C-alpha atoms as a PDB file:
ATOM      1  CA  MET A   1     147.523  82.468-154.341  1.00  0.00           C
ATOM      2  CA  LYS A   2     144.780  80.245-155.103  1.00  0.00           C
ATOM      3  CA  GLN A   3     144.657  78.878-151.833  1.00  0.00           C
ATOM      4  CA  LYS A   4     144.155  82.224-149.782  1.00  0.00           C
ATOM      5  CA  LYS A   5     141.288  82.897-152.215  1.00  0.00           C
ATOM      6  CA  VAL A   6     139.561  79.579-150.993  1.00  0.00           C
ATOM      7  CA  TYR A   7     140.220  80.409-147.674  1.00  0.00           C
ATOM      8  CA  ASN A   8     138.846  84.112-148.107  1.00  0.00           C
ATOM      9  CA  THR A   9     135.908  82.639-149.888  1.00  0.00           C
ATOM     10  CA  ILE A  10     135.145  80.178-147.134  1.00  0.00           C
ATOM     11  CA  GLY A  11     135.525  82.933-144.109  1.00  0.00           C
ATOM     12  CA  VAL A  12     132.832  85.105-146.352  1.00  0.00           C
ATOM     13  CA  ILE A  13     130.314  81.849-146.527  1.00  0.00           C
ATOM     14  CA  LEU A  14     130.768  81.221-142.440  1.00  0.00           C
ATOM     15  CA  LEU A  15     130.387  85.098-142.269  1.00  0.00           C
ATOM     16  CA  PHE A  16     127.097  85.094-144.360  1.00  0.00           C
ATOM     17  CA  GLY A  17     126.007  81.734-142.287  1.00  0.00           C
ATOM     18  CA  GLY A  18     126.539  83.361-139.240  1.00  0.00           C
ATOM     19  CA  PHE A  19     124.819  86.441-140.096  1.00  0.00           C
ATOM     20  CA  LEU A  20     121.994  84.265-141.286  1.00  0.00           C
ATOM     21  CA  LEU A  21     121.836  82.375-138.330  1.00  0.00           C
ATOM     22  CA  PHE A  22     121.950  85.530-136.102  1.00  0.00           C
ATOM     23  CA  CYS A  23     119.185  86.697-137.718  1.00  0.00           C
ATOM     24  CA  GLY A  24     117.071  83.167-137.811  1.00  0.00           C
ATOM     25  CA  VAL A  25     118.067  83.033-133.785  1.00  0.00           C
ATOM     26  CA  LYS A  26     116.901  87.015-133.243  1.00  0.00           C
ATOM     27  CA  ASN A  27     113.816  86.301-134.925  1.00  0.00           C
ATOM     28  CA  LEU A  28     112.811  83.213-133.196  1.00  0.00           C
ATOM     29  CA  VAL A  29     113.170  85.177-129.955  1.00  0.00           C
ATOM     30  CA  GLN A  30     111.240  87.778-131.015  1.00  0.00           C
ATOM     31  CA  ALA A  31     109.022  85.412-132.122  1.00  0.00           C
ATOM     32  CA  LYS A  32     108.818  83.090-128.543  1.00  0.00           C
ATOM     33  CA  GLU A  33     108.773  86.913-126.932  1.00  0.00           C
ATOM     34  CA  LEU A  34     105.602  87.884-129.427  1.00  0.00           C
ATOM     35  CA  ALA A  35     103.848  84.799-128.478  1.00  0.00           C
ATOM     36  CA  THR A  36     104.700  85.244-125.040  1.00  0.00           C
ATOM     37  CA  ASN A  37     103.339  89.209-125.028  1.00  0.00           C
ATOM     38  CA  SER A  38      99.845  86.952-126.776  1.00  0.00           C
ATOM     39  CA  GLN A  39      99.550  84.837-124.212  1.00  0.00           C
ATOM     40  CA  VAL A  40      99.701  87.457-121.417  1.00  0.00           C
ATOM     41  CA  LEU A  41      97.799  89.725-123.247  1.00  0.00           C
ATOM     42  CA  GLU A  42      94.990  86.988-123.395  1.00  0.00           C
ATOM     43  CA  GLN A  43      94.971  86.145-119.702  1.00  0.00           C
ATOM     44  CA  GLU A  44      94.594  89.541-119.052  1.00  0.00           C
ATOM     45  CA  ILE A  45      91.383  90.299-121.416  1.00  0.00           C
ATOM     46  CA  SER A  46      90.194  86.628-119.587  1.00  0.00           C
ATOM     47  CA  THR A  47      90.897  88.150-116.318  1.00  0.00           C
ATOM     48  CA  VAL A  48      89.416  91.491-117.092  1.00  0.00           C
ATOM     49  CA  SER A  49      86.041  89.378-118.797  1.00  0.00           C
ATOM     50  CA  ASN A  50      85.931  87.101-115.891  1.00  0.00           C
ATOM     51  CA  GLU A  51      85.830  90.245-113.638  1.00  0.00           C
ATOM     52  CA  GLU A  52      82.883  91.649-115.508  1.00  0.00           C
ATOM     53  CA  GLU A  53      81.134  88.520-115.242  1.00  0.00           C
ATOM     54  CA  VAL A  54      81.446  88.686-111.615  1.00  0.00           C
ATOM     55  CA  ASP A  55      80.121  92.477-111.058  1.00  0.00           C
ATOM     56  CA  MET A  56      77.600  91.514-113.249  1.00  0.00           C
ATOM     57  CA  GLU A  57      76.560  88.810-111.405  1.00  0.00           C
ATOM     58  CA  LEU A  58      76.769  90.386-108.547  1.00  0.00           C
ATOM     59  CA  ASN A  59      74.996  93.272-109.356  1.00  0.00           C
ATOM     60  CA  ARG A  60      72.261  90.587-110.827  1.00  0.00           C
ATOM     61  CA  ILE A  61      72.111  89.091-107.035  1.00  0.00           C
ATOM     62  CA  LYS A  62      71.895  92.584-105.227  1.00  0.00           C
ATOM     63  CA  GLU A  63      68.944  94.225-107.340  1.00  0.00           C
ATOM     64  CA  LEU A  64      67.111  90.527-107.132  1.00  0.00           C
ATOM     65  CA  VAL A  65      67.912  91.450-103.041  1.00  0.00           C
ATOM     66  CA  LYS A  66      66.251  95.058-103.314  1.00  0.00           C
ATOM     67  CA  ASN A  67      63.354  94.078-105.473  1.00  0.00           C
ATOM     68  CA  ASN A  68      62.590  91.069-102.631  1.00  0.00           C
ATOM     69  CA  LYS A  69      63.472  93.195 -99.633  1.00  0.00           C
ATOM     70  CA  ASN A  70      60.182  93.369 -98.324  1.00  0.00           C
ATOM     71  CA  GLY A  71      59.305  89.966 -99.520  1.00  0.00           C
ATOM     72  CA  ILE A  72      61.993  86.486 -99.133  1.00  0.00           C
ATOM     73  CA  ALA A  73      64.845  88.725 -99.162  1.00  0.00           C
ATOM     74  CA  LYS A  74      63.939  90.681 -96.316  1.00  0.00           C
ATOM     75  CA  LEU A  75      66.804  91.872 -93.630  1.00  0.00           C
ATOM     76  CA  VAL A  76      65.861  90.735 -90.019  1.00  0.00           C
ATOM     77  CA  ASN A  77      68.845  91.447 -87.414  1.00  0.00           C
ATOM     78  CA  LYS A  78      69.871  93.586 -84.536  1.00  0.00           C
ATOM     79  CA  GLU A  79      69.722  96.840 -86.218  1.00  0.00           C
ATOM     80  CA  ASN A  80      66.644  95.910 -88.762  1.00  0.00           C
ATOM     81  CA  GLY A  81      63.360  94.968 -86.768  1.00  0.00           C
ATOM     82  CA  LEU A  82      59.755  94.566 -88.033  1.00  0.00           C
ATOM     83  CA  LYS A  83      56.708  95.935 -86.801  1.00  0.00           C
ATOM     84  CA  SER A  84      55.060  94.139 -83.485  1.00  0.00           C
ATOM     85  CA  SER A  85      52.344  93.201 -85.573  1.00  0.00           C
ATOM     86  CA  TYR A  86      53.579  91.707 -88.380  1.00  0.00           C
ATOM     87  CA  GLU A  87      52.420  88.420 -89.773  1.00  0.00           C
ATOM     88  CA  PRO A  88      53.090  87.023 -92.863  1.00  0.00           C
ATOM     89  CA  SER A  89      49.669  86.557 -94.929  1.00  0.00           C
ATOM     90  CA  ASP A  90      50.376  82.979 -96.671  1.00  0.00           C
ATOM     91  CA  LEU A  91      51.484  80.797 -93.541  1.00  0.00           C
ATOM     92  CA  VAL A  92      50.456  77.159 -93.674  1.00  0.00           C
ATOM     93  CA  GLU A  93      51.628  74.019 -91.785  1.00  0.00           C
ATOM     94  CA  PRO A  94      54.374  71.977 -93.759  1.00  0.00           C
ATOM     95  CA  ASN A  95      54.194  68.433 -94.180  1.00  0.00           C
ATOM     96  CA  VAL A  96      57.673  67.301 -93.070  1.00  0.00           C
ATOM     97  CA  ASN A  97      58.930  65.511 -89.782  1.00  0.00           C
ATOM     98  CA  SER A  98      58.202  67.592 -86.767  1.00  0.00           C
ATOM     99  CA  ILE A  99      58.299  67.359 -82.833  1.00  0.00           C
ATOM    100  CA  LYS A 100      55.033  68.959 -82.770  1.00  0.00           C
ATOM    101  CA  ASN A 101      51.875  70.347 -84.603  1.00  0.00           C
ATOM    102  CA  ASN A 102      50.880  73.839 -85.101  1.00  0.00           C
ATOM    103  CA  ILE A 103      54.616  74.900 -86.591  1.00  0.00           C
ATOM    104  CA  TYR A 104      53.326  77.437 -89.164  1.00  0.00           C
ATOM    105  CA  LEU A 105      55.900  78.748 -92.811  1.00  0.00           C
ATOM    106  CA  SER A 106      55.309  80.965 -95.088  1.00  0.00           C
ATOM    107  CA  LYS A 107      53.438  79.341 -97.960  1.00  0.00           C
ATOM    108  CA  SER A 108      56.664  80.938-100.425  1.00  0.00           C
ATOM    109  CA  ALA A 109      58.931  78.629 -98.403  1.00  0.00           C
ATOM    110  CA  THR A 110      57.196  75.773 -97.671  1.00  0.00           C
ATOM    111  CA  ASN A 111      56.937  74.109-101.133  1.00  0.00           C
ATOM    112  CA  ASP A 112      61.212  74.200-101.219  1.00  0.00           C
ATOM    113  CA  LEU A 113      60.861  72.857 -97.645  1.00  0.00           C
ATOM    114  CA  GLU A 114      58.723  70.071 -98.370  1.00  0.00           C
ATOM    115  CA  LYS A 115      60.912  69.375-101.258  1.00  0.00           C
ATOM    116  CA  MET A 116      64.110  69.652 -99.256  1.00  0.00           C
ATOM    117  CA  PHE A 117      62.856  67.009 -96.476  1.00  0.00           C
ATOM    118  CA  LYS A 118      61.461  64.178 -99.115  1.00  0.00           C
ATOM    119  CA  GLU A 119      65.107  64.903-101.289  1.00  0.00           C
ATOM    120  CA  ALA A 120      66.815  64.386 -97.986  1.00  0.00           C
ATOM    121  CA  LYS A 121      64.961  61.420 -96.857  1.00  0.00           C
ATOM    122  CA  GLU A 122      66.113  59.648-100.097  1.00  0.00           C
ATOM    123  CA  GLU A 123      69.159  59.739 -99.076  1.00  0.00           C
ATOM    124  CA  GLY A 124      69.378  58.675 -95.693  1.00  0.00           C
ATOM    125  CA  MET A 125      68.389  61.638 -94.001  1.00  0.00           C
ATOM    126  CA  ASN A 126      66.145  62.202 -91.709  1.00  0.00           C
ATOM    127  CA  LEU A 127      65.467  66.117 -90.564  1.00  0.00           C
ATOM    128  CA  TYR A 128      63.003  67.459 -88.195  1.00  0.00           C
ATOM    129  CA  LEU A 129      61.692  70.740 -88.365  1.00  0.00           C
ATOM    130  CA  ILE A 130      61.971  72.281 -85.034  1.00  0.00           C
ATOM    131  CA  SER A 131      60.653  75.799 -85.246  1.00  0.00           C
ATOM    132  CA  GLY A 132      59.169  77.512 -87.967  1.00  0.00           C
ATOM    133  CA  TYR A 133      57.391  80.938 -87.539  1.00  0.00           C
ATOM    134  CA  ARG A 134      56.945  83.065 -84.544  1.00  0.00           C
ATOM    135  CA  SER A 135      54.859  85.980 -83.318  1.00  0.00           C
ATOM    136  CA  SER A 136      56.337  88.836 -81.599  1.00  0.00           C
ATOM    137  CA  SER A 137      54.603  88.612 -78.275  1.00  0.00           C
ATOM    138  CA  TYR A 138      55.961  84.779 -78.434  1.00  0.00           C
ATOM    139  CA  GLN A 139      59.658  86.042 -79.177  1.00  0.00           C
ATOM    140  CA  ALA A 140      59.327  88.194 -76.137  1.00  0.00           C
ATOM    141  CA  LYS A 141      58.166  85.231 -74.101  1.00  0.00           C
ATOM    142  CA  LEU A 142      61.397  83.567 -75.229  1.00  0.00           C
ATOM    143  CA  TYR A 143      63.728  85.911 -74.861  1.00  0.00           C
ATOM    144  CA  SER A 144      62.786  86.887 -71.428  1.00  0.00           C
ATOM    145  CA  ASN A 145      62.693  83.351 -70.369  1.00  0.00           C
ATOM    146  CA  SER A 146      66.163  82.648 -71.895  1.00  0.00           C
ATOM    147  CA  LEU A 147      67.120  85.765 -69.906  1.00  0.00           C
ATOM    148  CA  ILE A 148      66.247  84.425 -66.188  1.00  0.00           C
ATOM    149  CA  ARG A 149      66.889  80.676 -67.551  1.00  0.00           C
ATOM    150  CA  LYS A 150      70.265  81.153 -68.908  1.00  0.00           C
ATOM    151  CA  GLY A 151      71.403  84.655 -68.479  1.00  0.00           C
ATOM    152  CA  LYS A 152      72.314  88.031 -70.217  1.00  0.00           C
ATOM    153  CA  GLU A 153      75.206  87.040 -71.975  1.00  0.00           C
ATOM    154  CA  TYR A 154      74.144  83.876 -73.611  1.00  0.00           C
ATOM    155  CA  THR A 155      70.474  85.510 -74.753  1.00  0.00           C
ATOM    156  CA  GLN A 156      72.421  88.318 -76.071  1.00  0.00           C
ATOM    157  CA  LYS A 157      74.242  85.988 -78.246  1.00  0.00           C
ATOM    158  CA  TYR A 158      71.806  83.286 -79.165  1.00  0.00           C
ATOM    159  CA  VAL A 159      68.259  84.773 -79.075  1.00  0.00           C
ATOM    160  CA  SER A 160      66.453  87.450 -80.720  1.00  0.00           C
ATOM    161  CA  LYS A 161      64.485  90.095 -78.750  1.00  0.00           C
ATOM    162  CA  ALA A 162      61.059  90.676 -80.499  1.00  0.00           C
ATOM    163  CA  ASN A 163      60.620  92.218 -84.064  1.00  0.00           C
ATOM    164  CA  HIS A 164      63.937  90.849 -84.378  1.00  0.00           C
ATOM    165  CA  SER A 165      63.165  87.706 -85.184  1.00  0.00           C
ATOM    166  CA  GLU A 166      63.636  85.752 -88.531  1.00  0.00           C
ATOM    167  CA  HIS A 167      61.434  83.764 -87.225  1.00  0.00           C
ATOM    168  CA  GLN A 168      58.684  86.717 -87.213  1.00  0.00           C
ATOM    169  CA  THR A 169      59.190  86.559 -91.195  1.00  0.00           C
ATOM    170  CA  GLY A 170      57.878  83.014 -91.623  1.00  0.00           C
ATOM    171  CA  LEU A 171      60.868  82.463 -93.872  1.00  0.00           C
ATOM    172  CA  ALA A 172      63.266  80.870 -91.288  1.00  0.00           C
ATOM    173  CA  VAL A 173      63.376  77.472 -89.825  1.00  0.00           C
ATOM    174  CA  ASP A 174      65.424  75.486 -87.485  1.00  0.00           C
ATOM    175  CA  ILE A 175      66.236  72.101 -87.991  1.00  0.00           C
ATOM    176  CA  SER A 176      67.403  68.959 -85.699  1.00  0.00           C
ATOM    177  CA  ALA A 177      68.036  65.389 -85.917  1.00  0.00           C
ATOM    178  CA  LYS A 178      66.903  62.243 -83.838  1.00  0.00           C
ATOM    179  CA  SER A 179      70.975  61.527 -82.963  1.00  0.00           C
ATOM    180  CA  ILE A 180      70.934  64.447 -80.934  1.00  0.00           C
ATOM    181  CA  GLY A 181      67.202  64.305 -79.231  1.00  0.00           C
ATOM    182  CA  TYR A 182      65.855  67.142 -81.447  1.00  0.00           C
ATOM    183  CA  GLN A 183      67.823  69.681 -79.753  1.00  0.00           C
ATOM    184  CA  LEU A 184      69.130  72.823 -81.259  1.00  0.00           C
ATOM    185  CA  SER A 185      73.022  72.204 -80.201  1.00  0.00           C
ATOM    186  CA  GLN A 186      75.622  73.027 -81.972  1.00  0.00           C
ATOM    187  CA  SER A 187      76.790  69.260 -82.489  1.00  0.00           C
ATOM    188  CA  PHE A 188      73.705  69.296 -84.919  1.00  0.00           C
ATOM    189  CA  GLU A 189      77.211  70.599 -87.244  1.00  0.00           C
ATOM    190  CA  THR A 190      78.473  67.160 -86.651  1.00  0.00           C
ATOM    191  CA  THR A 191      75.627  64.855 -87.546  1.00  0.00           C
ATOM    192  CA  LYS A 192      75.179  63.674 -90.913  1.00  0.00           C
ATOM    193  CA  GLU A 193      72.027  65.470 -91.208  1.00  0.00           C
ATOM    194  CA  GLY A 194      73.823  68.656 -90.134  1.00  0.00           C
ATOM    195  CA  LYS A 195      76.501  67.829 -92.661  1.00  0.00           C
ATOM    196  CA  TRP A 196      74.462  67.234 -95.569  1.00  0.00           C
ATOM    197  CA  LEU A 197      71.700  70.399 -94.687  1.00  0.00           C
ATOM    198  CA  GLU A 198      75.167  72.360 -95.155  1.00  0.00           C
ATOM    199  CA  LYS A 199      76.055  71.115 -98.189  1.00  0.00           C
ATOM    200  CA  ASN A 200      72.578  71.536 -99.783  1.00  0.00           C
ATOM    201  CA  ALA A 201      70.279  74.005 -98.483  1.00  0.00           C
ATOM    202  CA  HIS A 202      71.013  76.406-100.905  1.00  0.00           C
ATOM    203  CA  LYS A 203      69.635  73.978-103.732  1.00  0.00           C
ATOM    204  CA  TYR A 204      66.309  74.181-102.586  1.00  0.00           C
ATOM    205  CA  GLY A 205      66.632  78.549-101.339  1.00  0.00           C
ATOM    206  CA  PHE A 206      68.190  78.025 -98.003  1.00  0.00           C
ATOM    207  CA  ILE A 207      71.182  79.641 -96.668  1.00  0.00           C
ATOM    208  CA  LEU A 208      72.630  78.917 -92.961  1.00  0.00           C
ATOM    209  CA  ARG A 209      72.230  81.924 -91.548  1.00  0.00           C
ATOM    210  CA  TYR A 210      74.576  82.471 -88.772  1.00  0.00           C
ATOM    211  CA  LYS A 211      78.244  80.920 -89.626  1.00  0.00           C
ATOM    212  CA  LYS A 212      80.587  79.976 -87.331  1.00  0.00           C
ATOM    213  CA  ASP A 213      82.593  82.835 -88.943  1.00  0.00           C
ATOM    214  CA  ARG A 214      80.973  85.379 -89.302  1.00  0.00           C
ATOM    215  CA  VAL A 215      79.451  85.584 -86.238  1.00  0.00           C
ATOM    216  CA  GLU A 216      80.609  89.700 -85.611  1.00  0.00           C
ATOM    217  CA  ASP A 217      78.907  90.595 -88.773  1.00  0.00           C
ATOM    218  CA  THR A 218      75.470  88.964 -87.975  1.00  0.00           C
ATOM    219  CA  GLY A 219      75.548  89.563 -84.774  1.00  0.00           C
ATOM    220  CA  TYR A 220      74.695  86.391 -83.191  1.00  0.00           C
ATOM    221  CA  GLY A 221      76.524  83.269 -82.105  1.00  0.00           C
ATOM    222  CA  PHE A 222      77.054  80.034 -84.446  1.00  0.00           C
ATOM    223  CA  GLU A 223      74.014  78.420 -85.046  1.00  0.00           C
ATOM    224  CA  PRO A 224      74.214  75.011 -87.991  1.00  0.00           C
ATOM    225  CA  TRP A 225      71.131  74.466 -87.006  1.00  0.00           C
ATOM    226  CA  HIS A 226      68.903  77.892 -88.017  1.00  0.00           C
ATOM    227  CA  PHE A 227      68.315  78.057 -91.792  1.00  0.00           C
ATOM    228  CA  ARG A 228      66.619  81.189 -93.564  1.00  0.00           C
ATOM    229  CA  TYR A 229      64.213  80.834 -96.890  1.00  0.00           C
ATOM    230  CA  VAL A 230      66.040  83.557-100.009  1.00  0.00           C
ATOM    231  CA  GLY A 231      65.052  81.864-102.660  1.00  0.00           C
ATOM    232  CA  TYR A 232      67.094  79.661-104.988  1.00  0.00           C
ATOM    233  CA  ASP A 233      69.471  82.511-107.210  1.00  0.00           C
ATOM    234  CA  ILE A 234      69.769  84.357-103.880  1.00  0.00           C
ATOM    235  CA  ALA A 235      70.929  80.811-101.790  1.00  0.00           C
ATOM    236  CA  LYS A 236      73.130  79.786-104.129  1.00  0.00           C
ATOM    237  CA  TYR A 237      74.934  83.157-104.725  1.00  0.00           C
ATOM    238  CA  ILE A 238      75.343  83.181-101.284  1.00  0.00           C
ATOM    239  CA  TYR A 239      76.757  79.678-100.602  1.00  0.00           C
ATOM    240  CA  GLU A 240      79.263  79.670-103.455  1.00  0.00           C
ATOM    241  CA  ASN A 241      80.719  82.825-102.257  1.00  0.00           C
ATOM    242  CA  ASP A 242      80.666  82.003 -98.816  1.00  0.00           C
ATOM    243  CA  LEU A 243      78.911  84.965 -98.086  1.00  0.00           C
ATOM    244  CA  ILE A 244      76.111  86.383 -95.705  1.00  0.00           C
ATOM    245  CA  LEU A 245      72.569  87.916 -96.218  1.00  0.00           C
ATOM    246  CA  GLU A 246      73.904  91.187 -94.967  1.00  0.00           C
ATOM    247  CA  ASP A 247      76.819  91.417 -97.569  1.00  0.00           C
ATOM    248  CA  LEU A 248      74.123  91.738-100.228  1.00  0.00           C
ATOM    249  CA  TYR A 249      72.864  94.865 -98.226  1.00  0.00           C
ATOM    250  CA  LYS A 250      75.943  96.460 -98.734  1.00  0.00           C
END
């Protein structure tokens, strides 16, 4: 009888211990679930916060573009043209390597172009300015000559009509290198100068304007030599987000 009581007591102890263990495991599971839920919530809050920051930055850049739509952020393409009489009032001749004299650029872009050429040279890159500002009449001659020499298909892909060239803004430049005979060729992409510009031009306010994967959007073929000045903030945003100027006008 005494032995039976002992067994009963042990049974109660084990049962109670099991209950406590179950409660402990249950609380542990609940604690883990709570921790997991907290992590998920933190991630969701972080994601929302990041998205808000991204949206705020995009809105800031778009506002900057809007405020400079008649200046450094001016959009010139096949749909958006300039008056034939348009000419920047601040044209100057940049102090950089070039293949000829009398290449002019808007002063607002010149200082940064000179800085870009200087720092490129310090890193072993010898850049050459091939083209800058072009008047409406000069662009008309280029277009006409291209039609005669290279045909309609090529011309429409690579040459702007008068009043629709970024060069008329005084904010666009064509750059090449000695290694390819100072030509405006897609082979510039493979030169050390072309590679350097693609990665660094935005630091000086310039963007690669006609990208290889955005031909349908820009309306022009890939031009690794053509860079457009838009200022530091806009250039940085376009580069880091792999955009084109048209994207910021949507």
